[in-house]
N, C-alpha and C. Protein backbone atom coordinates (compact mmCIF):
# COMPACT_ATOMS: atom_id res chain seq x y z
N MET A 1 8.50 -28.79 -91.77
CA MET A 1 7.35 -29.28 -92.25
C MET A 1 6.94 -28.59 -93.69
N ASN A 2 7.12 -27.36 -93.70
CA ASN A 2 7.21 -26.52 -94.95
C ASN A 2 7.82 -27.24 -96.01
N ARG A 3 9.10 -27.48 -95.54
CA ARG A 3 9.99 -28.15 -96.84
C ARG A 3 9.32 -29.42 -97.35
N ILE A 4 8.79 -30.17 -96.58
CA ILE A 4 8.29 -31.57 -96.71
C ILE A 4 7.09 -31.23 -97.73
N ALA A 5 6.27 -30.22 -97.46
CA ALA A 5 5.24 -29.90 -98.25
C ALA A 5 5.41 -29.38 -99.46
N VAL A 6 6.52 -28.63 -99.79
CA VAL A 6 7.04 -28.21 -101.03
C VAL A 6 7.52 -29.26 -101.69
N CYS A 7 8.31 -30.15 -101.16
CA CYS A 7 8.83 -31.32 -101.85
C CYS A 7 7.91 -32.37 -102.36
N MET A 8 6.68 -32.55 -101.46
CA MET A 8 5.62 -33.46 -102.11
C MET A 8 4.96 -32.81 -103.01
N LEU A 9 4.67 -31.37 -103.22
CA LEU A 9 3.95 -30.79 -104.16
C LEU A 9 4.78 -30.99 -105.55
N GLY A 10 6.05 -30.72 -105.31
CA GLY A 10 6.95 -30.66 -106.48
C GLY A 10 6.87 -32.33 -107.03
N LEU A 11 6.85 -33.17 -106.16
CA LEU A 11 6.81 -34.71 -106.57
C LEU A 11 5.71 -34.95 -107.26
N PHE A 12 4.42 -34.38 -106.64
CA PHE A 12 3.20 -34.47 -107.15
C PHE A 12 3.11 -33.96 -108.66
N LEU A 13 3.54 -32.69 -108.65
CA LEU A 13 3.43 -31.97 -110.08
C LEU A 13 4.36 -32.51 -111.10
N SER A 14 5.45 -33.01 -110.72
CA SER A 14 6.35 -33.76 -111.66
C SER A 14 5.71 -35.10 -112.22
N THR A 15 5.24 -35.74 -111.28
CA THR A 15 4.62 -36.90 -111.53
C THR A 15 3.54 -36.91 -112.50
N GLY A 16 2.80 -35.90 -112.18
CA GLY A 16 1.58 -35.47 -113.17
C GLY A 16 1.97 -35.00 -114.55
N PHE A 17 3.09 -34.20 -114.53
CA PHE A 17 3.80 -33.77 -115.69
C PHE A 17 4.35 -35.05 -116.48
N VAL A 18 4.87 -36.14 -116.04
CA VAL A 18 5.58 -37.02 -116.57
C VAL A 18 4.46 -37.95 -117.27
N GLU A 19 3.34 -38.07 -116.48
CA GLU A 19 2.31 -39.13 -116.66
C GLU A 19 1.62 -38.42 -117.94
N SER A 20 1.32 -37.07 -117.85
CA SER A 20 0.58 -36.35 -119.00
C SER A 20 1.61 -36.32 -120.17
N ASN A 21 2.86 -36.29 -120.01
CA ASN A 21 3.52 -36.17 -121.23
C ASN A 21 3.69 -37.59 -121.88
N ALA A 22 3.67 -38.65 -120.97
CA ALA A 22 3.55 -39.96 -121.42
C ALA A 22 2.28 -40.36 -122.15
N GLN A 23 1.25 -39.73 -121.78
CA GLN A 23 0.02 -40.14 -122.41
C GLN A 23 0.02 -39.35 -123.77
N ASN A 24 0.65 -38.01 -123.92
CA ASN A 24 0.66 -37.32 -124.76
C ASN A 24 1.65 -37.77 -126.07
N SER A 25 2.62 -38.58 -125.61
CA SER A 25 3.79 -38.98 -126.46
C SER A 25 3.55 -40.42 -126.93
N LYS A 26 2.31 -40.99 -126.98
CA LYS A 26 2.06 -42.22 -127.77
C LYS A 26 2.41 -42.22 -129.11
N ASN A 27 2.07 -41.12 -129.65
CA ASN A 27 2.29 -41.01 -131.18
C ASN A 27 3.39 -39.95 -131.40
N LYS A 28 4.11 -39.63 -130.43
CA LYS A 28 5.40 -38.62 -130.46
C LYS A 28 6.69 -39.43 -130.32
N GLU A 29 7.68 -39.10 -130.69
CA GLU A 29 9.04 -39.51 -130.66
C GLU A 29 9.51 -39.54 -129.29
N ILE A 30 10.11 -40.28 -128.56
CA ILE A 30 10.72 -39.99 -127.27
C ILE A 30 11.98 -39.30 -127.23
N VAL A 31 11.91 -38.12 -126.46
CA VAL A 31 13.09 -37.22 -126.39
C VAL A 31 13.98 -37.69 -125.21
N LEU A 32 15.26 -37.67 -125.69
CA LEU A 32 16.15 -38.14 -124.73
C LEU A 32 16.80 -36.77 -123.96
N VAL A 33 17.04 -35.90 -124.42
CA VAL A 33 17.55 -34.66 -123.74
C VAL A 33 16.34 -33.41 -123.78
N ASN A 34 15.91 -33.27 -122.46
CA ASN A 34 14.88 -32.35 -122.26
C ASN A 34 14.99 -31.10 -123.08
N ALA A 35 13.91 -30.68 -123.90
CA ALA A 35 14.03 -29.66 -124.88
C ALA A 35 14.24 -28.25 -124.02
N ASN A 36 13.96 -28.13 -122.86
CA ASN A 36 14.12 -27.00 -122.16
C ASN A 36 15.55 -26.75 -121.61
N ALA A 37 16.20 -27.70 -121.62
CA ALA A 37 17.89 -27.74 -121.27
C ALA A 37 18.56 -26.88 -122.23
N LYS A 38 18.43 -25.21 -122.17
CA LYS A 38 18.97 -24.45 -122.93
C LYS A 38 19.03 -23.11 -121.98
N VAL A 39 19.82 -22.23 -122.63
CA VAL A 39 20.09 -20.89 -121.87
C VAL A 39 19.69 -19.96 -122.96
N ASP A 40 18.82 -19.10 -122.68
CA ASP A 40 18.48 -18.00 -123.50
C ASP A 40 19.59 -17.05 -123.73
N LYS A 41 20.04 -16.67 -122.54
CA LYS A 41 21.13 -15.57 -122.16
C LYS A 41 22.35 -16.01 -121.55
N PHE A 42 23.59 -15.70 -121.82
CA PHE A 42 24.73 -16.20 -121.18
C PHE A 42 25.07 -14.51 -120.63
N HIS A 43 25.43 -14.59 -119.35
CA HIS A 43 25.85 -13.45 -118.65
C HIS A 43 27.35 -12.88 -118.56
N THR A 44 27.46 -11.64 -118.54
CA THR A 44 28.83 -11.19 -118.30
C THR A 44 28.90 -10.92 -116.72
N ILE A 45 29.96 -10.76 -116.25
CA ILE A 45 30.32 -10.35 -114.82
C ILE A 45 29.60 -9.08 -114.36
N ASN A 46 29.79 -7.88 -115.42
CA ASN A 46 28.98 -6.78 -115.05
C ASN A 46 27.49 -6.98 -114.99
N ASP A 47 27.01 -7.72 -116.02
CA ASP A 47 25.58 -7.90 -115.92
C ASP A 47 25.24 -8.48 -114.62
N LEU A 48 25.86 -9.57 -114.28
CA LEU A 48 25.42 -10.29 -112.87
C LEU A 48 25.62 -9.20 -111.70
N LYS A 49 26.69 -8.47 -111.76
CA LYS A 49 26.87 -7.47 -110.71
C LYS A 49 25.96 -6.55 -110.58
N SER A 50 24.90 -6.45 -111.75
CA SER A 50 24.03 -5.28 -111.50
C SER A 50 22.81 -5.95 -110.99
N LYS A 51 22.70 -7.35 -110.64
CA LYS A 51 21.45 -7.80 -110.22
C LYS A 51 21.50 -8.21 -108.63
N ASN A 52 20.45 -8.31 -108.09
CA ASN A 52 20.33 -8.32 -106.55
C ASN A 52 20.45 -9.78 -106.45
N LYS A 53 20.66 -10.12 -105.15
CA LYS A 53 20.96 -11.65 -104.57
C LYS A 53 19.82 -12.57 -105.05
N GLY A 54 18.37 -12.20 -104.89
CA GLY A 54 17.54 -13.07 -105.33
C GLY A 54 17.44 -13.21 -106.77
N GLU A 55 17.91 -12.46 -107.60
CA GLU A 55 18.04 -12.72 -109.11
C GLU A 55 18.94 -13.54 -109.43
N LEU A 56 20.20 -13.30 -108.61
CA LEU A 56 21.33 -14.26 -108.84
C LEU A 56 21.11 -15.68 -108.46
N ILE A 57 20.23 -15.95 -107.26
CA ILE A 57 19.78 -17.13 -106.88
C ILE A 57 19.02 -17.82 -107.74
N ASN A 58 18.18 -17.20 -108.70
CA ASN A 58 17.34 -17.91 -109.49
C ASN A 58 18.18 -18.18 -110.72
N ILE A 59 18.95 -17.30 -111.13
CA ILE A 59 19.85 -17.56 -112.24
C ILE A 59 20.60 -18.66 -111.94
N TYR A 60 21.36 -18.90 -110.81
CA TYR A 60 22.04 -20.10 -110.35
C TYR A 60 21.14 -21.43 -110.41
N LYS A 61 19.96 -21.37 -109.95
CA LYS A 61 19.19 -22.59 -109.91
C LYS A 61 18.78 -22.90 -111.19
N GLU A 62 18.43 -22.08 -112.13
CA GLU A 62 18.24 -22.43 -113.53
C GLU A 62 19.31 -23.06 -114.22
N ARG A 63 20.68 -22.32 -114.05
CA ARG A 63 21.84 -22.81 -114.79
C ARG A 63 21.92 -24.51 -114.03
N PHE A 64 21.69 -24.58 -112.97
CA PHE A 64 21.98 -25.97 -112.40
C PHE A 64 20.97 -26.90 -113.03
N LYS A 65 19.74 -26.54 -113.08
CA LYS A 65 18.70 -27.41 -113.86
C LYS A 65 19.06 -27.80 -115.16
N VAL A 66 19.79 -26.66 -116.02
CA VAL A 66 20.18 -27.17 -117.51
C VAL A 66 21.27 -27.99 -117.35
N ILE A 67 22.25 -27.98 -116.46
CA ILE A 67 23.32 -29.11 -116.41
C ILE A 67 22.85 -30.46 -116.00
N THR A 68 21.82 -30.45 -114.99
CA THR A 68 21.29 -31.85 -114.69
C THR A 68 20.70 -32.58 -115.99
N HIS A 69 19.99 -31.59 -116.63
CA HIS A 69 19.42 -32.38 -118.13
C HIS A 69 20.55 -32.67 -119.05
N LEU A 70 21.50 -31.79 -119.30
CA LEU A 70 22.50 -32.12 -120.34
C LEU A 70 23.40 -33.04 -119.87
N LEU A 71 24.00 -32.97 -118.76
CA LEU A 71 25.25 -33.83 -118.66
C LEU A 71 25.23 -35.31 -118.70
N PRO A 72 24.08 -36.00 -118.21
CA PRO A 72 24.09 -37.36 -118.45
C PRO A 72 24.15 -37.92 -119.84
N TYR A 73 23.87 -37.25 -120.89
CA TYR A 73 23.82 -37.89 -122.22
C TYR A 73 24.74 -37.08 -123.15
N THR A 74 25.77 -36.56 -122.57
CA THR A 74 26.79 -35.81 -123.72
C THR A 74 27.53 -36.60 -124.37
N ALA A 75 27.64 -37.94 -124.09
CA ALA A 75 28.22 -39.06 -125.18
C ALA A 75 27.49 -39.31 -126.31
N LEU A 76 26.07 -39.00 -126.13
CA LEU A 76 25.07 -39.53 -127.42
C LEU A 76 24.70 -38.08 -127.81
N SER A 77 24.51 -37.02 -127.26
CA SER A 77 24.15 -35.80 -127.94
C SER A 77 24.21 -34.79 -126.97
N ASN A 78 24.39 -33.53 -127.36
CA ASN A 78 24.52 -32.14 -126.65
C ASN A 78 23.21 -31.39 -127.15
N LYS A 79 22.37 -31.72 -127.94
CA LYS A 79 21.12 -31.18 -128.38
C LYS A 79 20.04 -31.23 -127.40
N PRO A 80 19.60 -30.21 -126.89
CA PRO A 80 18.33 -30.30 -126.30
C PRO A 80 16.87 -30.73 -127.22
N GLY A 81 16.13 -31.53 -126.86
CA GLY A 81 15.00 -31.85 -127.55
C GLY A 81 15.38 -33.14 -128.59
N VAL A 82 16.61 -33.61 -128.60
CA VAL A 82 17.07 -34.83 -129.46
C VAL A 82 16.31 -36.06 -129.20
N THR A 83 15.68 -36.70 -130.15
CA THR A 83 14.92 -37.87 -129.82
C THR A 83 15.80 -39.20 -130.06
N LEU A 84 15.24 -40.26 -129.54
CA LEU A 84 16.00 -41.49 -129.68
C LEU A 84 16.01 -41.89 -131.21
N ASN A 85 15.05 -41.69 -131.87
CA ASN A 85 15.05 -41.97 -133.32
C ASN A 85 16.14 -41.32 -134.09
N VAL A 86 16.31 -39.98 -133.71
CA VAL A 86 17.39 -39.16 -134.42
C VAL A 86 18.63 -40.02 -134.17
N LEU A 87 19.06 -40.43 -132.83
CA LEU A 87 20.26 -41.08 -132.52
C LEU A 87 20.38 -42.42 -133.00
N GLY A 88 19.28 -42.93 -133.63
CA GLY A 88 19.41 -44.49 -134.04
C GLY A 88 19.02 -45.48 -133.14
N ILE A 89 18.58 -44.82 -131.76
CA ILE A 89 18.19 -45.79 -130.52
C ILE A 89 16.81 -46.18 -130.96
N PRO A 90 16.54 -47.57 -130.67
CA PRO A 90 15.16 -48.04 -130.61
C PRO A 90 14.24 -47.47 -129.67
N GLU A 91 12.98 -46.96 -130.20
CA GLU A 91 11.95 -46.56 -129.42
C GLU A 91 11.08 -47.79 -128.74
N SER A 92 11.67 -48.47 -128.27
CA SER A 92 10.98 -49.60 -127.35
C SER A 92 10.32 -49.15 -126.35
N SER A 93 9.47 -50.04 -125.71
CA SER A 93 8.80 -49.79 -124.58
C SER A 93 9.58 -49.56 -123.15
N GLU A 94 10.59 -50.26 -123.45
CA GLU A 94 11.57 -50.64 -122.32
C GLU A 94 12.57 -49.24 -122.45
N ASN A 95 12.77 -48.79 -123.44
CA ASN A 95 13.68 -47.61 -123.61
C ASN A 95 12.64 -46.23 -123.10
N LYS A 96 11.49 -46.33 -123.62
CA LYS A 96 10.50 -45.47 -123.40
C LYS A 96 10.23 -45.20 -121.65
N SER A 97 10.20 -46.33 -121.26
CA SER A 97 10.02 -46.39 -119.67
C SER A 97 11.26 -45.77 -118.94
N LEU A 98 12.36 -46.08 -119.38
CA LEU A 98 13.83 -45.78 -118.87
C LEU A 98 13.92 -44.18 -118.80
N ILE A 99 13.33 -43.85 -120.13
CA ILE A 99 13.53 -42.36 -120.26
C ILE A 99 12.49 -41.66 -119.23
N GLU A 100 11.36 -42.18 -119.02
CA GLU A 100 10.39 -41.46 -118.22
C GLU A 100 10.74 -41.55 -116.87
N LYS A 101 11.47 -42.60 -116.41
CA LYS A 101 11.98 -42.86 -114.88
C LYS A 101 12.93 -41.81 -114.74
N GLU A 102 13.87 -41.67 -115.74
CA GLU A 102 14.88 -40.86 -115.65
C GLU A 102 14.54 -39.34 -115.45
N ALA A 103 13.57 -38.94 -116.43
CA ALA A 103 12.99 -37.56 -116.34
C ALA A 103 12.32 -37.39 -115.04
N LYS A 104 11.53 -38.41 -114.40
CA LYS A 104 10.87 -38.14 -113.32
C LYS A 104 11.91 -37.86 -112.22
N ALA A 105 12.91 -38.63 -112.30
CA ALA A 105 13.94 -38.41 -111.06
C ALA A 105 14.85 -37.12 -111.21
N THR A 106 15.00 -36.76 -112.47
CA THR A 106 15.81 -35.36 -112.77
C THR A 106 14.85 -34.46 -112.00
N ASP A 107 13.48 -34.49 -112.41
CA ASP A 107 12.49 -33.25 -111.89
C ASP A 107 12.62 -33.43 -110.28
N GLN A 108 12.58 -34.65 -109.83
CA GLN A 108 12.62 -34.67 -108.35
C GLN A 108 13.87 -34.10 -107.75
N LEU A 109 15.21 -34.48 -108.23
CA LEU A 109 16.27 -33.77 -108.13
C LEU A 109 16.33 -32.50 -108.05
N ASN A 110 15.78 -31.92 -109.05
CA ASN A 110 15.89 -30.30 -109.28
C ASN A 110 14.91 -29.68 -108.42
N ASP A 111 13.80 -30.31 -107.92
CA ASP A 111 12.79 -29.59 -107.08
C ASP A 111 13.36 -29.79 -105.68
N ALA A 112 14.09 -30.83 -105.12
CA ALA A 112 14.75 -31.12 -103.98
C ALA A 112 15.85 -29.93 -103.89
N PHE A 113 16.51 -29.90 -104.96
CA PHE A 113 17.69 -28.87 -104.76
C PHE A 113 17.14 -27.56 -104.92
N SER A 114 16.23 -27.15 -105.44
CA SER A 114 15.64 -25.91 -105.47
C SER A 114 15.39 -25.29 -104.18
N VAL A 115 14.86 -26.33 -103.35
CA VAL A 115 14.35 -25.89 -102.06
C VAL A 115 15.58 -25.95 -101.11
N SER A 116 16.49 -26.60 -101.25
CA SER A 116 17.73 -26.73 -100.46
C SER A 116 18.56 -25.23 -100.95
N LEU A 117 18.59 -24.93 -102.17
CA LEU A 117 19.33 -23.80 -102.68
C LEU A 117 18.80 -22.45 -102.12
N ASP A 118 17.34 -22.56 -102.12
CA ASP A 118 16.74 -21.32 -101.56
C ASP A 118 17.12 -21.22 -100.28
N ASN A 119 17.22 -22.13 -99.49
CA ASN A 119 17.57 -21.93 -98.20
C ASN A 119 19.05 -21.82 -97.92
N PHE A 120 19.97 -22.23 -98.53
CA PHE A 120 21.57 -22.30 -98.32
C PHE A 120 22.18 -21.07 -99.14
N ILE A 121 21.87 -20.94 -100.37
CA ILE A 121 22.76 -20.10 -101.26
C ILE A 121 22.54 -18.60 -100.80
N ALA A 122 21.42 -18.44 -100.15
CA ALA A 122 21.16 -16.91 -99.65
C ALA A 122 22.18 -16.75 -98.53
N TYR A 123 22.76 -17.61 -98.06
CA TYR A 123 24.03 -17.16 -97.06
C TYR A 123 25.21 -17.00 -97.93
N ALA A 124 25.37 -17.29 -99.09
CA ALA A 124 26.57 -17.27 -99.90
C ALA A 124 26.88 -15.77 -100.34
N ASP A 125 28.12 -15.33 -100.25
CA ASP A 125 28.47 -14.25 -100.62
C ASP A 125 27.98 -13.83 -102.24
N SER A 126 27.55 -12.65 -102.64
CA SER A 126 27.11 -12.54 -104.06
C SER A 126 28.31 -12.65 -105.00
N ASP A 127 29.25 -12.31 -104.47
CA ASP A 127 30.58 -12.62 -105.68
C ASP A 127 30.78 -14.08 -105.84
N ASN A 128 30.62 -14.87 -104.73
CA ASN A 128 30.72 -16.37 -105.07
C ASN A 128 29.59 -16.91 -106.05
N ILE A 129 28.41 -16.35 -105.62
CA ILE A 129 27.20 -16.76 -106.40
C ILE A 129 27.45 -16.30 -107.93
N ILE A 130 27.98 -15.40 -108.21
CA ILE A 130 28.26 -14.79 -109.43
C ILE A 130 29.50 -15.60 -110.11
N TRP A 131 30.49 -15.87 -109.51
CA TRP A 131 31.62 -16.97 -109.91
C TRP A 131 30.83 -18.23 -110.40
N SER A 132 29.96 -18.76 -109.64
CA SER A 132 29.34 -20.05 -109.65
C SER A 132 28.57 -20.10 -110.90
N ILE A 133 27.88 -18.89 -111.11
CA ILE A 133 27.00 -18.90 -112.17
C ILE A 133 27.77 -18.72 -113.64
N LEU A 134 28.96 -17.90 -113.59
CA LEU A 134 29.81 -18.03 -114.70
C LEU A 134 30.50 -19.38 -115.03
N LEU A 135 30.72 -20.12 -114.04
CA LEU A 135 31.33 -21.37 -113.91
C LEU A 135 30.34 -22.46 -114.78
N TYR A 136 29.11 -22.17 -114.04
CA TYR A 136 28.06 -23.13 -114.70
C TYR A 136 27.73 -22.76 -116.17
N GLU A 137 27.74 -21.36 -116.52
CA GLU A 137 27.53 -21.17 -117.91
C GLU A 137 28.47 -21.46 -118.88
N ASP A 138 29.84 -21.39 -118.41
CA ASP A 138 31.00 -21.82 -119.32
C ASP A 138 30.90 -23.40 -119.40
N LEU A 139 30.34 -24.02 -118.34
CA LEU A 139 30.15 -25.60 -118.61
C LEU A 139 29.14 -25.73 -119.62
N ILE A 140 28.17 -25.02 -119.37
CA ILE A 140 26.82 -25.25 -120.34
C ILE A 140 27.19 -25.04 -121.73
N ARG A 141 28.01 -23.77 -122.04
CA ARG A 141 28.41 -23.50 -123.39
C ARG A 141 29.29 -24.67 -124.08
N LYS A 142 30.13 -25.34 -123.13
CA LYS A 142 31.00 -26.44 -123.46
C LYS A 142 30.20 -27.61 -123.94
N LEU A 143 29.15 -27.89 -123.22
CA LEU A 143 28.15 -29.00 -123.29
C LEU A 143 27.34 -28.68 -124.59
N LEU A 144 26.83 -27.61 -124.85
CA LEU A 144 26.20 -27.20 -125.98
C LEU A 144 26.75 -27.18 -127.39
N LEU A 145 28.25 -26.92 -127.24
CA LEU A 145 28.88 -26.76 -128.34
C LEU A 145 29.61 -28.16 -128.72
N GLY A 146 29.75 -29.00 -127.69
CA GLY A 146 30.26 -30.33 -127.78
C GLY A 146 31.61 -30.45 -128.04
N LYS A 147 32.11 -31.38 -128.73
CA LYS A 147 33.63 -31.47 -128.93
C LYS A 147 34.23 -30.54 -129.74
N ASP A 148 33.57 -29.55 -130.49
CA ASP A 148 34.08 -28.55 -131.29
C ASP A 148 34.30 -27.24 -130.51
N TYR A 149 34.11 -27.33 -129.15
CA TYR A 149 34.30 -26.27 -128.48
C TYR A 149 35.56 -25.55 -128.43
């Protein structure tokens, strides 16, 4: 029951966030790749080994979230915050609607996974979490650098 309440809260908050952004974006360009899909710090294995399991799980979840925002549009751009206008894609109401629906679905996916990951990743061995974080960060580096990696 608690998981359902958390998912519903996440859905409610993400819906409000998307609607709020839609209202605020009437005069703004339409963003294709979420501007928050970036990593401020990439970790070394030694850095990760110094962290407790709770910290590792949070990093793991954040990296997963970044990947879900970057991966779908790598053929168009690897730059967080890129707009349709910059890419030469028409900013039509249909395209705006598609982007808003995708953003909502991605937020819902990330909210659902966050709850699941909190429940399941705690059972993983810390070394496996560390390996996964390093794998995710390597993928993110490649996504952000693009074909020049």
